[in-house]
Amino acid sequence: MALKVVFMGTPQFAVPALKKICESEMDIVAVYSQPPRKSNRGMKIEKSPVHEFADDNNLNIRTPSKLDDDWEYFKSLKFDLAIVVAYGQIISKNFLELPEHGFLNIHASILPKWRGAAPIQRSIMEQDTFTGISIMQIEEQLDAGPVLIKQEIELNENSTTGQVEQRLSEIGADKILEAIYLIEKKEAVYTPQDHNAATYAKKIKKEDEVIDWTRDAKVIIAQINGLNPRPGACFEYKGEKIKIWKASHGSGDGEPGTVMNDHLQIACGKGSISVEEIQRPGKKIQPIKIFLLGFAIPESTQLN
């Protein structure tokens, strides 16, 4: 008999897992997602990607502003297992105790490394050589529950958060099905985490976006890649916040923050970067050659 499943997720990262479960023999009794919100541009109210998928596939969708407010309905579902993928709300202990098989989470790191809100961004920004997916059981402490399945992938200096998110979302979708089947066959074996080895991926803040030109070029490139496609690494020029979306290592050194040529090669604390894709506020991302035709940043300019 198929397990009765509650799925809880919000961003695009969660959609492949929901799709896989939807295509399986599982009985999805409800889907929970964050409520519709105003878009970044204009006043249009937008549903989350998970909400959109649920609507398109006639799934029972719930979007409480506070999960605790939906307690009576949630309790009435009488389900066997909950799957959580970047839902965006704290799940209280009384919820966690409801299903026989608990709550499984797809977490985008190899736990116990990078518990928390921004595991992919922090992994790339810290120049890790690998990351991956952990299928873990949710407990009250953040991302501290025992792990059922792990799968690693390699990273390199060109890996961006967008690329890695896409790959891990697909891996996570496959692995969550594997985890469900292990539970169904009563073959699930959980491994406790080494809490002494835990590191934390703090939420990205405004100060994380600002490029410090005194840092090593490889650190700045990792920052640019880790913040691509959101929120973007930036510097200020003529009162505008300019975002760099792609850069490579330049040749030569100079005073940190100095523009070294007419193609926007910028000196760093060690080495330099050559900007390849860039964006002004309210404008489209452009290749550097096109950008500089309409917004010159001359050689010898000193950037803050």
Protein backbone atom coordinates (compact mmCIF):
# COMPACT_ATOMS: atom_id res chain seq x y z
CA MET A 1 0.00 0.00 0.00
CA ALA A 2 1.41 3.41 -1.01
CA LEU A 3 2.52 5.75 1.74
CA LYS A 4 0.45 8.84 2.40
CA VAL A 5 2.78 11.81 1.95
CA VAL A 6 2.69 15.51 2.82
CA PHE A 7 5.09 17.58 0.71
CA MET A 8 6.41 20.91 2.01
CA GLY A 9 8.47 23.18 -0.23
CA THR A 10 8.54 26.59 -1.88
CA PRO A 11 11.25 27.43 -4.49
CA GLN A 12 12.05 25.92 -7.88
CA PHE A 13 14.70 23.77 -6.15
CA ALA A 14 11.85 21.75 -4.59
CA VAL A 15 9.83 21.17 -7.76
CA PRO A 16 11.78 18.19 -9.23
CA ALA A 17 11.28 16.24 -5.99
CA LEU A 18 7.56 16.99 -5.95
CA LYS A 19 7.32 16.00 -9.61
CA LYS A 20 9.07 12.66 -8.97
CA ILE A 21 6.83 11.86 -6.02
CA CYS A 22 3.77 12.88 -8.05
CA GLU A 23 4.79 10.48 -10.83
CA SER A 24 5.32 7.62 -8.36
CA GLU A 25 2.69 5.55 -6.60
CA MET A 26 2.77 7.76 -3.51
CA ASP A 27 -0.46 9.32 -2.28
CA ILE A 28 0.20 13.06 -1.87
CA VAL A 29 -2.50 14.13 0.59
CA ALA A 30 -1.38 17.76 0.77
CA VAL A 31 1.26 20.17 -0.48
CA TYR A 32 2.38 23.04 1.76
CA SER A 33 4.13 26.13 0.39
CA GLN A 34 4.75 29.73 1.36
CA PRO A 35 1.80 32.04 0.57
CA PRO A 36 1.72 34.09 -2.65
CA ARG A 37 3.70 37.32 -2.41
CA LYS A 38 4.17 40.53 -4.33
CA SER A 39 6.77 40.23 -7.08
CA ASN A 40 10.01 42.21 -6.98
CA ARG A 41 8.82 44.35 -9.88
CA GLY A 42 5.36 45.85 -9.75
CA MET A 43 2.48 44.89 -7.52
CA LYS A 44 1.61 41.52 -9.07
CA ILE A 45 0.96 38.71 -6.60
CA GLU A 46 2.95 35.60 -7.52
CA LYS A 47 2.60 32.00 -6.37
CA SER A 48 5.69 30.02 -5.48
CA PRO A 49 7.00 27.47 -8.03
CA VAL A 50 5.77 24.61 -5.80
CA HIS A 51 2.32 26.27 -5.55
CA GLU A 52 2.20 26.60 -9.35
CA PHE A 53 3.11 22.93 -9.83
CA ALA A 54 0.50 21.84 -7.29
CA ASP A 55 -2.20 23.86 -9.06
CA ASP A 56 -1.19 22.50 -12.47
CA ASN A 57 -1.42 18.93 -11.18
CA ASN A 58 -4.61 19.30 -9.13
CA LEU A 59 -2.84 18.68 -5.81
CA ASN A 60 -4.29 19.81 -2.50
CA ILE A 61 -2.32 23.01 -1.81
CA ARG A 62 -2.10 24.82 1.56
CA THR A 63 -0.31 28.15 2.05
CA PRO A 64 -0.63 29.31 5.67
CA SER A 65 1.39 32.35 6.68
CA LYS A 66 2.15 30.47 9.89
CA LEU A 67 2.17 26.68 9.82
CA ASP A 68 1.02 26.51 13.43
CA ASP A 69 -2.24 28.19 12.38
CA ASP A 70 -3.03 25.15 10.22
CA TRP A 71 -2.48 22.62 13.00
CA GLU A 72 -5.98 21.13 13.13
CA TYR A 73 -6.13 20.55 9.39
CA PHE A 74 -2.57 19.22 9.27
CA LYS A 75 -3.35 16.76 12.07
CA SER A 76 -6.48 15.57 10.25
CA LEU A 77 -4.47 14.42 7.21
CA LYS A 78 -3.36 11.21 9.00
CA PHE A 79 -0.33 10.78 6.74
CA ASP A 80 2.69 8.46 7.02
CA LEU A 81 5.61 10.68 5.98
CA ALA A 82 6.41 14.34 5.29
CA ILE A 83 8.96 15.47 2.70
CA VAL A 84 10.46 18.93 3.24
CA VAL A 85 12.50 20.82 0.62
CA ALA A 86 13.32 24.47 1.39
CA TYR A 87 9.86 25.10 2.83
CA GLY A 88 10.85 28.31 4.60
CA GLN A 89 9.18 27.93 7.99
CA ILE A 90 10.19 26.36 11.30
CA ILE A 91 8.28 23.13 11.91
CA SER A 92 7.21 22.76 15.53
CA LYS A 93 7.80 19.63 17.60
CA ASN A 94 4.11 18.73 17.73
CA PHE A 95 4.09 18.55 13.91
CA LEU A 96 7.28 16.48 13.79
CA GLU A 97 5.76 13.86 16.09
CA LEU A 98 2.67 13.24 13.96
CA PRO A 99 3.68 10.81 11.16
CA GLU A 100 4.93 7.28 11.78
CA HIS A 101 7.98 7.80 9.55
CA GLY A 102 8.71 11.37 10.55
CA PHE A 103 9.81 14.27 8.33
CA LEU A 104 12.52 13.81 5.70
CA ASN A 105 14.48 16.80 4.43
CA ILE A 106 16.48 17.22 1.22
CA HIS A 107 19.44 19.36 2.28
CA ALA A 108 21.91 20.77 -0.25
CA SER A 109 25.19 19.89 1.46
CA ILE A 110 27.05 16.92 2.85
CA LEU A 111 26.02 17.16 6.47
CA PRO A 112 27.20 18.07 9.06
CA LYS A 113 28.98 20.62 6.86
CA TRP A 114 26.94 23.71 5.95
CA ARG A 115 23.83 23.35 8.03
CA GLY A 116 21.54 26.33 7.59
CA ALA A 117 20.01 28.67 5.05
CA ALA A 118 22.61 29.10 2.29
CA PRO A 119 24.62 25.88 1.92
CA ILE A 120 25.29 26.11 -1.82
CA GLN A 121 26.30 29.78 -1.78
CA ARG A 122 28.62 29.32 1.20
CA SER A 123 30.17 26.18 -0.24
CA ILE A 124 31.09 27.94 -3.48
CA MET A 125 32.18 31.16 -1.76
CA GLU A 126 34.48 29.13 0.52
CA GLN A 127 35.96 27.37 -2.54
CA ASP A 128 34.96 23.85 -1.50
CA THR A 129 35.98 21.10 -3.90
CA PHE A 130 32.76 19.14 -3.38
CA THR A 131 29.23 19.44 -2.06
CA GLY A 132 26.15 17.26 -2.45
CA ILE A 133 22.78 16.15 -1.14
CA SER A 134 21.86 14.75 2.27
CA ILE A 135 18.52 13.07 2.93
CA MET A 136 18.02 13.50 6.66
CA GLN A 137 15.34 13.16 9.29
CA ILE A 138 14.21 16.49 10.72
CA GLU A 139 14.65 17.10 14.43
CA GLU A 140 14.12 20.23 16.50
CA GLN A 141 17.74 21.39 16.17
CA LEU A 142 18.52 22.95 12.77
CA ASP A 143 19.69 20.38 10.19
CA ALA A 144 21.01 18.14 12.97
CA GLY A 145 18.97 14.98 12.41
CA PRO A 146 20.38 11.59 11.39
CA VAL A 147 21.18 11.07 7.71
CA LEU A 148 19.73 8.32 5.54
CA ILE A 149 21.41 8.99 2.17
CA LYS A 150 24.27 11.18 0.92
CA GLN A 151 25.58 11.84 -2.58
CA GLU A 152 28.54 14.08 -3.40
CA ILE A 153 29.32 16.11 -6.52
CA GLU A 154 32.55 17.90 -7.42
CA LEU A 155 32.88 21.67 -7.60
CA ASN A 156 35.41 23.73 -9.52
CA GLU A 157 36.28 27.43 -9.69
CA ASN A 158 33.70 27.98 -12.45
CA SER A 159 30.76 26.43 -10.56
CA THR A 160 27.92 28.86 -9.91
CA THR A 161 25.11 28.56 -7.42
CA GLY A 162 22.55 28.40 -10.22
CA GLN A 163 24.31 25.49 -11.93
CA VAL A 164 24.82 23.58 -8.70
CA GLU A 165 21.24 24.18 -7.54
CA GLN A 166 19.90 22.71 -10.76
CA ARG A 167 22.08 19.62 -10.50
CA LEU A 168 21.40 19.05 -6.80
CA SER A 169 17.65 19.50 -7.23
CA GLU A 170 17.62 16.64 -9.73
CA ILE A 171 19.85 14.45 -7.54
CA GLY A 172 17.68 15.24 -4.53
CA ALA A 173 14.57 14.19 -6.43
CA ASP A 174 16.10 10.80 -7.27
CA LYS A 175 17.44 10.28 -3.76
CA ILE A 176 14.18 11.14 -2.00
CA LEU A 177 12.43 8.40 -3.97
CA GLU A 178 15.21 6.02 -2.99
CA ALA A 179 14.72 7.04 0.64
CA ILE A 180 10.95 6.50 0.47
CA TYR A 181 11.38 3.03 -0.99
CA LEU A 182 13.85 2.13 1.79
CA ILE A 183 11.26 3.23 4.34
CA GLU A 184 8.54 1.22 2.63
CA LYS A 185 10.72 -1.90 2.67
CA LYS A 186 11.69 -1.25 6.31
CA GLU A 187 15.34 -1.06 5.25
CA ALA A 188 16.03 2.56 6.23
CA VAL A 189 19.19 2.92 8.34
CA TYR A 190 19.95 6.40 9.70
CA THR A 191 23.45 7.56 10.67
CA PRO A 192 23.79 10.18 13.43
CA GLN A 193 25.73 13.31 12.50
CA ASP A 194 29.01 14.27 14.15
CA HIS A 195 27.81 17.48 15.78
CA ASN A 196 31.39 18.50 16.64
CA ALA A 197 32.15 18.73 12.91
CA ALA A 198 29.15 20.96 12.08
CA THR A 199 29.59 24.21 10.17
CA TYR A 200 26.86 26.74 9.44
CA ALA A 201 25.80 28.42 6.20
CA LYS A 202 24.48 31.76 7.36
CA LYS A 203 21.86 33.55 5.30
CA ILE A 204 23.35 35.85 2.66
CA LYS A 205 23.29 39.48 3.83
CA LYS A 206 23.83 42.79 2.07
CA GLU A 207 27.44 42.98 3.23
CA ASP A 208 28.17 39.61 1.60
CA GLU A 209 27.33 41.13 -1.79
CA VAL A 210 29.93 43.92 -1.69
CA ILE A 211 33.25 43.13 -3.39
CA ASP A 212 36.34 43.91 -1.31
CA TRP A 213 39.08 44.54 -3.87
CA THR A 214 41.83 43.94 -1.29
CA ARG A 215 40.97 40.24 -1.30
CA ASP A 216 42.60 37.58 -3.49
CA ALA A 217 41.24 37.38 -7.06
CA LYS A 218 40.26 33.74 -6.57
CA VAL A 219 38.22 34.70 -3.48
CA ILE A 220 36.42 37.44 -5.43
CA ILE A 221 35.64 35.08 -8.32
CA ALA A 222 34.26 32.57 -5.81
CA GLN A 223 32.08 35.36 -4.35
CA ILE A 224 30.78 36.28 -7.82
CA ASN A 225 29.99 32.64 -8.66
CA GLY A 226 28.47 31.91 -5.26
CA LEU A 227 26.06 34.86 -5.57
CA ASN A 228 25.01 34.00 -9.14
CA PRO A 229 22.05 34.03 -9.89
CA ARG A 230 21.07 35.84 -6.69
CA PRO A 231 21.61 38.32 -5.23
CA GLY A 232 24.81 39.13 -7.18
CA ALA A 233 28.24 40.44 -6.16
CA CYS A 234 28.56 44.21 -6.58
CA PHE A 235 30.66 47.35 -6.43
CA GLU A 236 29.65 51.01 -6.48
CA TYR A 237 30.54 53.38 -9.31
CA LYS A 238 29.10 56.86 -9.90
CA GLY A 239 26.47 56.22 -7.25
CA GLU A 240 25.23 53.01 -8.90
CA LYS A 241 25.43 49.47 -7.55
CA ILE A 242 27.01 47.52 -10.41
CA LYS A 243 26.70 43.72 -10.31
CA ILE A 244 29.30 41.36 -11.76
CA TRP A 245 27.83 38.03 -12.85
CA LYS A 246 30.85 36.39 -14.47
CA ALA A 247 34.61 36.97 -14.25
CA SER A 248 37.85 35.11 -14.90
CA HIS A 249 41.44 35.51 -13.74
CA GLY A 250 43.28 38.42 -15.33
CA SER A 251 47.01 38.75 -15.93
CA GLY A 252 49.18 41.03 -13.84
CA ASP A 253 48.79 42.86 -10.54
CA GLY A 254 48.09 46.41 -9.45
CA GLU A 255 46.73 48.56 -6.67
CA PRO A 256 43.55 46.83 -5.40
CA GLY A 257 40.44 48.25 -7.06
CA THR A 258 42.32 49.85 -9.97
CA VAL A 259 40.90 49.38 -13.47
CA MET A 260 43.88 48.06 -15.43
CA ASN A 261 42.66 48.45 -19.03
CA ASP A 262 39.71 49.49 -21.19
CA HIS A 263 38.16 46.01 -20.97
CA LEU A 264 37.48 46.20 -17.22
CA GLN A 265 40.27 44.14 -15.81
CA ILE A 266 40.43 45.03 -12.12
CA ALA A 267 43.35 44.59 -9.75
CA CYS A 268 42.77 42.68 -6.53
CA GLY A 269 44.77 42.17 -3.35
CA LYS A 270 46.48 39.32 -5.17
CA GLY A 271 46.09 38.97 -8.92
CA SER A 272 43.26 40.53 -10.93
CA ILE A 273 39.92 39.66 -12.51
CA SER A 274 38.62 40.20 -16.03
CA VAL A 275 34.91 41.00 -15.96
CA GLU A 276 32.87 39.08 -18.55
CA GLU A 277 29.19 39.74 -17.66
CA ILE A 278 27.91 42.78 -15.77
CA GLN A 279 24.71 44.69 -14.98
CA ARG A 280 23.59 48.18 -14.02
CA PRO A 281 20.53 48.66 -11.76
CA GLY A 282 17.29 48.11 -13.66
CA LYS A 283 19.12 46.96 -16.80
CA LYS A 284 19.75 43.56 -18.38
CA ILE A 285 22.89 41.52 -17.80
CA GLN A 286 25.32 42.29 -20.62
CA PRO A 287 28.63 40.98 -22.00
CA ILE A 288 31.36 43.38 -20.95
CA LYS A 289 32.02 44.67 -24.49
CA ILE A 290 28.38 45.71 -24.94
CA PHE A 291 28.18 47.16 -21.43
CA LEU A 292 31.24 49.39 -21.89
CA LEU A 293 29.87 50.87 -25.13
CA GLY A 294 27.17 52.63 -23.13
CA PHE A 295 28.79 52.99 -19.72
CA ALA A 296 32.56 53.46 -19.79
CA ILE A 297 34.71 52.71 -16.76
CA PRO A 298 38.08 54.02 -17.96
CA GLU A 299 41.53 52.62 -17.32
CA SER A 300 43.12 53.89 -14.05
CA THR A 301 39.71 54.39 -12.40
CA GLN A 302 39.95 53.57 -8.70
CA LEU A 303 36.95 51.53 -7.46
CA ASN A 304 36.01 51.46 -3.79
